[in-house]
Protein backbone atom coordinates (compact mmCIF):
# COMPACT_ATOMS: atom_id res chain seq x y z
CA MET A 1 -43.77 25.43 -27.63
CA ILE A 2 -43.06 22.18 -29.49
CA ARG A 3 -46.27 20.46 -30.59
CA LEU A 4 -45.99 16.70 -30.06
CA GLY A 5 -47.82 13.84 -31.70
CA VAL A 6 -47.78 10.59 -29.69
CA VAL A 7 -47.99 7.32 -31.63
CA GLY A 8 -49.02 4.41 -29.40
CA LEU A 9 -51.16 4.67 -26.27
CA GLY A 10 -50.17 1.46 -24.49
CA VAL A 11 -48.69 0.83 -21.06
CA ILE A 12 -45.79 3.32 -21.33
CA SER A 13 -47.71 6.18 -22.92
CA ARG A 14 -49.15 7.44 -19.64
CA PHE A 15 -45.67 8.42 -18.48
CA TYR A 16 -45.05 10.38 -21.66
CA LEU A 17 -48.46 12.07 -21.46
CA ALA A 18 -47.82 13.13 -17.85
CA ALA A 19 -44.36 14.43 -18.73
CA ILE A 20 -45.76 16.38 -21.69
CA ALA A 21 -48.47 17.90 -19.49
CA SER A 22 -45.87 19.23 -17.04
CA SER A 23 -43.24 20.23 -19.62
CA PRO A 24 -42.50 23.91 -20.32
CA ARG A 25 -41.24 22.98 -23.81
CA PHE A 26 -43.85 20.57 -25.19
CA ALA A 27 -47.60 20.51 -25.75
CA LEU A 28 -49.66 17.50 -26.74
CA ALA A 29 -51.05 18.15 -30.23
CA ALA A 30 -52.21 14.74 -31.52
CA VAL A 31 -52.49 11.09 -30.50
CA CYS A 32 -52.57 7.90 -32.53
CA ASP A 33 -53.46 4.30 -31.73
CA LEU A 34 -55.06 1.38 -33.52
CA ASP A 35 -57.50 0.93 -30.61
CA GLU A 36 -60.23 3.55 -30.92
CA ARG A 37 -61.04 3.20 -27.21
CA ALA A 38 -57.57 4.52 -26.33
CA LEU A 39 -58.12 7.70 -28.35
CA THR A 40 -60.82 9.29 -26.20
CA ASP A 41 -60.49 12.12 -23.67
CA HIS A 42 -57.11 13.51 -24.76
CA GLY A 43 -58.48 16.83 -25.98
CA VAL A 44 -56.46 16.79 -29.20
CA PRO A 45 -56.99 15.36 -32.70
CA ALA A 46 -56.94 11.55 -32.61
CA PHE A 47 -55.97 9.18 -35.41
CA ARG A 48 -56.12 5.45 -36.07
CA SER A 49 -52.99 5.55 -38.28
CA HIS A 50 -49.74 7.42 -37.91
CA GLU A 51 -49.79 8.20 -41.63
CA ALA A 52 -53.05 10.11 -41.20
CA MET A 53 -51.62 11.97 -38.21
CA LEU A 54 -48.51 12.98 -40.13
CA ASP A 55 -50.47 14.04 -43.20
CA ALA A 56 -52.82 16.18 -41.08
CA GLY A 57 -49.95 18.38 -39.93
CA GLY A 58 -50.11 20.56 -36.85
CA ILE A 59 -47.23 18.80 -35.07
CA ASP A 60 -43.55 19.68 -34.75
CA ALA A 61 -42.19 16.37 -33.41
CA VAL A 62 -43.24 12.79 -32.77
CA VAL A 63 -43.00 10.36 -29.84
CA VAL A 64 -43.13 6.69 -30.81
CA THR A 65 -44.29 4.40 -28.01
CA ALA A 66 -46.01 1.80 -30.20
CA PRO A 67 -44.95 -1.90 -30.17
CA ASN A 68 -41.27 -2.52 -30.88
CA ASP A 69 -41.80 -4.06 -34.30
CA VAL A 70 -43.21 -0.81 -35.75
CA HIS A 71 -40.73 1.62 -34.16
CA ALA A 72 -38.55 1.85 -37.26
CA ARG A 73 -41.42 2.24 -39.72
CA VAL A 74 -43.21 4.96 -37.75
CA ALA A 75 -39.93 6.77 -37.06
CA MET A 76 -38.94 6.59 -40.72
CA ASP A 77 -42.27 8.05 -41.84
CA ALA A 78 -42.00 10.88 -39.31
CA VAL A 79 -38.44 11.65 -40.34
CA GLU A 80 -39.44 11.71 -44.00
CA HIS A 81 -42.02 14.36 -43.04
CA GLY A 82 -39.11 16.39 -41.66
CA LEU A 83 -40.03 15.80 -38.02
CA PRO A 84 -37.68 14.98 -35.13
CA VAL A 85 -38.55 11.72 -33.41
CA CYS A 86 -38.30 10.36 -29.86
CA VAL A 87 -38.43 6.56 -30.11
CA GLU A 88 -39.04 4.42 -27.07
CA LYS A 89 -36.23 1.88 -26.83
CA PRO A 90 -35.35 -0.16 -28.82
CA LEU A 91 -34.87 2.09 -31.83
CA ALA A 92 -35.78 -0.87 -34.06
CA THR A 93 -35.96 -4.65 -33.92
CA SER A 94 -33.09 -5.01 -36.40
CA LEU A 95 -29.81 -3.17 -36.78
CA ARG A 96 -30.42 -2.75 -40.50
CA ASP A 97 -33.70 -0.90 -39.88
CA GLY A 98 -32.13 1.26 -37.19
CA LEU A 99 -29.29 2.26 -39.48
CA ALA A 100 -31.76 3.14 -42.24
CA VAL A 101 -33.76 5.44 -39.96
CA ALA A 102 -30.56 7.08 -38.68
CA GLU A 103 -29.40 7.74 -42.24
CA ALA A 104 -32.78 9.26 -43.14
CA ALA A 105 -32.62 11.53 -40.08
CA ARG A 106 -29.15 12.66 -41.09
CA ARG A 107 -30.33 13.35 -44.63
CA ARG A 108 -33.37 15.36 -43.48
CA ASP A 109 -31.37 17.10 -40.71
CA VAL A 110 -33.72 16.12 -37.89
CA ALA A 111 -33.02 14.53 -34.53
CA LEU A 112 -33.43 10.82 -33.97
CA PHE A 113 -33.63 10.35 -30.19
CA THR A 114 -33.85 7.00 -28.38
CA ALA A 115 -35.55 7.14 -24.96
CA PHE A 116 -33.43 5.36 -22.35
CA HIS A 117 -35.45 6.38 -19.33
CA ARG A 118 -33.31 4.67 -16.69
CA ARG A 119 -30.37 7.05 -17.27
CA TYR A 120 -32.56 9.79 -15.73
CA ASN A 121 -33.27 7.85 -12.53
CA ALA A 122 -32.41 9.94 -9.46
CA ASN A 123 -30.68 7.05 -7.66
CA VAL A 124 -28.59 6.22 -10.73
CA LEU A 125 -27.54 9.85 -11.06
CA ALA A 126 -26.67 10.00 -7.35
CA LEU A 127 -24.40 6.97 -7.81
CA ARG A 128 -22.73 8.62 -10.78
CA ASP A 129 -22.07 11.71 -8.64
CA LYS A 130 -20.51 9.55 -5.89
CA LEU A 131 -18.24 7.83 -8.37
CA ALA A 132 -16.96 11.12 -9.75
CA GLY A 133 -14.68 11.59 -6.74
CA ALA A 134 -14.02 7.94 -5.93
CA ALA A 135 -11.52 5.29 -6.94
CA PRO A 136 -11.85 3.89 -10.48
CA VAL A 137 -14.58 1.35 -11.16
CA ALA A 138 -13.13 -2.17 -11.26
CA GLU A 139 -16.39 -3.90 -12.24
CA LEU A 140 -20.00 -2.87 -12.81
CA THR A 141 -23.10 -5.04 -12.51
CA VAL A 142 -26.51 -4.03 -13.86
CA ARG A 143 -29.48 -6.18 -12.92
CA TYR A 144 -32.82 -5.85 -14.70
CA LEU A 145 -35.03 -8.55 -13.24
CA GLU A 146 -38.83 -8.79 -13.41
CA ARG A 147 -41.71 -11.07 -14.28
CA ILE A 148 -42.67 -9.60 -17.62
CA GLU A 149 -46.31 -10.68 -17.43
CA GLU A 150 -46.77 -8.37 -14.42
CA HIS A 151 -45.52 -5.34 -16.36
CA VAL A 152 -47.12 -5.40 -19.77
CA GLY A 153 -50.80 -4.95 -18.94
CA ALA A 154 -52.84 -5.47 -22.09
CA ASP A 155 -49.73 -5.11 -24.28
CA ARG A 156 -49.27 -8.84 -24.85
CA TRP A 157 -47.08 -8.20 -27.89
CA TYR A 158 -44.10 -8.17 -25.51
CA LEU A 159 -44.47 -11.97 -25.32
CA ASP A 160 -44.29 -12.41 -29.09
CA PRO A 161 -40.60 -12.57 -30.10
CA ALA A 162 -41.39 -11.32 -33.59
CA ARG A 163 -42.97 -8.18 -32.15
CA SER A 164 -40.74 -7.52 -29.13
CA GLY A 165 -37.58 -8.23 -31.11
CA GLY A 166 -36.72 -11.44 -29.28
CA GLY A 167 -37.44 -11.00 -25.58
CA CYS A 168 -35.56 -9.61 -22.60
CA VAL A 169 -32.36 -8.95 -24.57
CA ALA A 170 -34.13 -6.90 -27.23
CA ASP A 171 -36.47 -5.02 -24.90
CA ASN A 172 -34.79 -4.59 -21.50
CA GLY A 173 -31.26 -5.07 -22.82
CA PRO A 174 -30.99 -1.59 -24.36
CA ASN A 175 -31.89 0.15 -21.08
CA ALA A 176 -29.44 -1.98 -19.10
CA LEU A 177 -26.67 -1.59 -21.67
CA ASP A 178 -27.24 2.15 -21.76
CA LEU A 179 -26.66 2.26 -18.00
CA VAL A 180 -23.32 0.53 -18.53
CA ARG A 181 -22.51 3.11 -21.20
CA LEU A 182 -23.50 5.92 -18.81
CA PHE A 183 -20.86 4.76 -16.29
CA LEU A 184 -18.19 3.15 -18.46
CA GLY A 185 -18.40 4.86 -21.86
CA GLU A 186 -18.56 2.98 -25.14
CA VAL A 187 -19.12 -0.75 -24.67
CA THR A 188 -18.13 -3.93 -26.50
CA LEU A 189 -19.62 -7.40 -26.04
CA GLU A 190 -17.34 -10.13 -24.68
CA SER A 191 -19.78 -13.02 -24.17
CA ALA A 192 -23.48 -13.77 -23.86
CA ARG A 193 -25.68 -16.56 -22.55
CA VAL A 194 -29.39 -16.48 -23.40
CA THR A 195 -32.09 -18.84 -22.12
CA ARG A 196 -35.24 -19.10 -24.24
CA VAL A 197 -38.67 -20.57 -23.53
CA ASP A 198 -41.09 -21.04 -26.42
CA GLY A 199 -38.79 -19.02 -28.65
CA ILE A 200 -38.58 -15.92 -26.44
CA ASP A 201 -35.54 -15.06 -24.36
CA ARG A 202 -36.47 -15.11 -20.68
CA GLN A 203 -33.00 -14.81 -19.12
CA ALA A 204 -29.65 -13.55 -20.31
CA VAL A 205 -26.23 -12.78 -18.86
CA LEU A 206 -24.11 -10.44 -20.95
CA HIS A 207 -20.44 -9.74 -20.26
CA VAL A 208 -19.39 -6.42 -21.76
CA ARG A 209 -16.48 -4.04 -21.41
CA GLY A 210 -16.14 -0.29 -21.40
CA SER A 211 -13.54 1.46 -19.28
CA ALA A 212 -13.98 -1.58 -16.98
CA PRO A 213 -15.71 -4.97 -17.28
CA ALA A 214 -19.44 -5.17 -16.64
CA VAL A 215 -22.10 -7.84 -16.24
CA VAL A 216 -25.66 -7.29 -17.41
CA ASP A 217 -28.15 -9.68 -15.83
CA LEU A 218 -31.59 -9.78 -17.52
CA ASP A 219 -34.57 -11.85 -16.41
CA TRP A 220 -38.22 -11.92 -17.47
CA SER A 221 -39.13 -14.78 -15.10
CA HIS A 222 -37.94 -13.23 -11.84
CA PRO A 223 -40.38 -13.18 -8.89
CA GLY A 224 -41.01 -9.55 -8.04
CA GLU A 225 -38.81 -6.78 -9.42
CA THR A 226 -35.10 -6.02 -8.90
CA LYS A 227 -33.36 -3.29 -10.87
CA ASP A 228 -30.04 -1.94 -9.65
CA VAL A 229 -26.50 -0.90 -10.51
CA THR A 230 -23.56 -2.03 -8.39
CA ALA A 231 -20.05 -0.64 -8.78
CA ARG A 232 -17.06 -2.40 -7.24
CA LEU A 233 -14.19 0.06 -7.05
CA ALA A 234 -10.46 -0.52 -7.35
CA ASP A 235 -10.01 0.16 -3.62
CA GLY A 236 -12.59 -2.50 -2.69
CA THR A 237 -15.46 -0.10 -2.00
CA VAL A 238 -18.87 -1.26 -3.24
CA LEU A 239 -21.48 1.36 -4.15
CA ARG A 240 -25.01 0.56 -5.30
CA ALA A 241 -28.02 2.33 -6.76
CA ASP A 242 -31.42 0.69 -6.32
CA VAL A 243 -33.38 2.11 -9.25
CA LEU A 244 -36.72 1.50 -7.50
CA ALA A 245 -35.90 2.73 -3.98
CA GLY A 246 -37.89 5.69 -2.69
CA PHE A 247 -40.59 5.64 -5.35
CA ASP A 248 -44.09 4.72 -4.30
CA GLY A 249 -46.34 2.47 -6.32
CA PHE A 250 -45.88 0.09 -9.21
CA LYS A 251 -43.59 1.68 -11.82
CA GLY A 252 -43.40 4.73 -9.53
CA SER A 253 -39.88 5.69 -10.64
CA LEU A 254 -40.94 6.13 -14.25
CA TRP A 255 -42.78 9.40 -13.68
CA HIS A 256 -39.63 11.43 -13.00
CA GLU A 257 -37.56 9.45 -15.49
CA TYR A 258 -39.79 10.43 -18.40
CA ASP A 259 -39.56 14.07 -17.33
CA GLY A 260 -35.84 13.62 -17.95
CA VAL A 261 -36.47 11.96 -21.32
CA LEU A 262 -38.43 15.00 -22.51
CA ARG A 263 -35.82 17.45 -21.23
CA ASP A 264 -33.19 15.77 -23.36
CA PHE A 265 -35.54 15.37 -26.31
CA ALA A 266 -36.05 19.15 -26.29
CA ALA A 267 -32.26 19.53 -26.58
CA ALA A 268 -32.25 16.96 -29.38
CA VAL A 269 -34.92 18.85 -31.34
CA THR A 270 -32.69 21.93 -31.24
CA ALA A 271 -29.57 19.95 -32.22
CA GLY A 272 -31.22 18.36 -35.27
CA SER A 273 -29.15 15.71 -37.01
CA GLY A 274 -26.20 16.69 -34.82
CA TRP A 275 -27.84 14.89 -31.89
CA ARG A 276 -26.06 11.71 -30.80
CA ASP A 277 -27.15 9.13 -28.25
CA GLY A 278 -26.75 5.42 -27.62
CA GLY A 279 -29.69 4.15 -29.66
CA LEU A 280 -27.65 2.61 -32.44
CA ALA A 281 -24.91 1.45 -30.07
CA ALA A 282 -27.43 -0.52 -27.99
CA LEU A 283 -29.04 -1.94 -31.11
CA ASP A 284 -25.65 -3.04 -32.40
CA LEU A 285 -24.89 -4.86 -29.13
CA VAL A 286 -28.29 -6.59 -29.13
CA ASP A 287 -27.72 -7.63 -32.74
CA GLU A 288 -24.33 -9.08 -31.82
CA VAL A 289 -25.83 -11.04 -28.90
CA TYR A 290 -28.37 -12.66 -31.21
CA ARG A 291 -25.80 -13.37 -33.92
CA ARG A 292 -23.53 -15.09 -31.42
CA GLU A 293 -26.46 -17.06 -30.05
CA GLY A 294 -27.66 -18.01 -33.50
CA ALA A 295 -31.12 -16.55 -32.91
């Protein structure tokens, strides 16, 4: 059993905690959050700082679901303690920091795993299965549209560009770009258009290319919630996966997606520094978007 320490008990942590509770490979061993009120009733040692948690020992791996701007620092400290790390996307808020953590993980021979939960969505995986025997994909569209204020709860740091990394491109962009990578392989950026309000990006349209062209449509000002993947095939067929369809309740799809995250993280722990995923690739694309936009 792999003993997990969870750093950050905000809006996403409940999905990790539920997945840990049902996992045959992991057990919750410690929790950490700056807010003392969040630390109660977990039945494991609780810490106000991740440094104290790491120094106390008793854990075999770390999940980082703290605000984006501390992902790299917490991950680096865990790696330097010789612990594999699952980092909620994005891996970091700068490419330089992400590269530094990746190099430290390689040096210490531990896994650095970025959690792209949407690649475990049942409807997305069903679409991938359909495409396996179909005509080639001619164009892919990924839409990730929501009103961010409805999704963040008390985690208002999402609305601070310095803490979120910039806005919808930095935070939702990695998940959407990872879905493109899931279907089309390695991806390059062709063009980007970002709309900002009060310094935070609220909408963006990214044109990228893998084995076929793709459009990534991001929106933090969208009424309601729309998240889907549409594939137009070379023979004219159009196939679509609605990420939210069939799941009851607000954020209902996330429960099974984070089960998938932990299944792959278990494999990553075993693989050590040999583990590879799209964390750095997504961070590199986000960095390129902002460099082109002059942000």
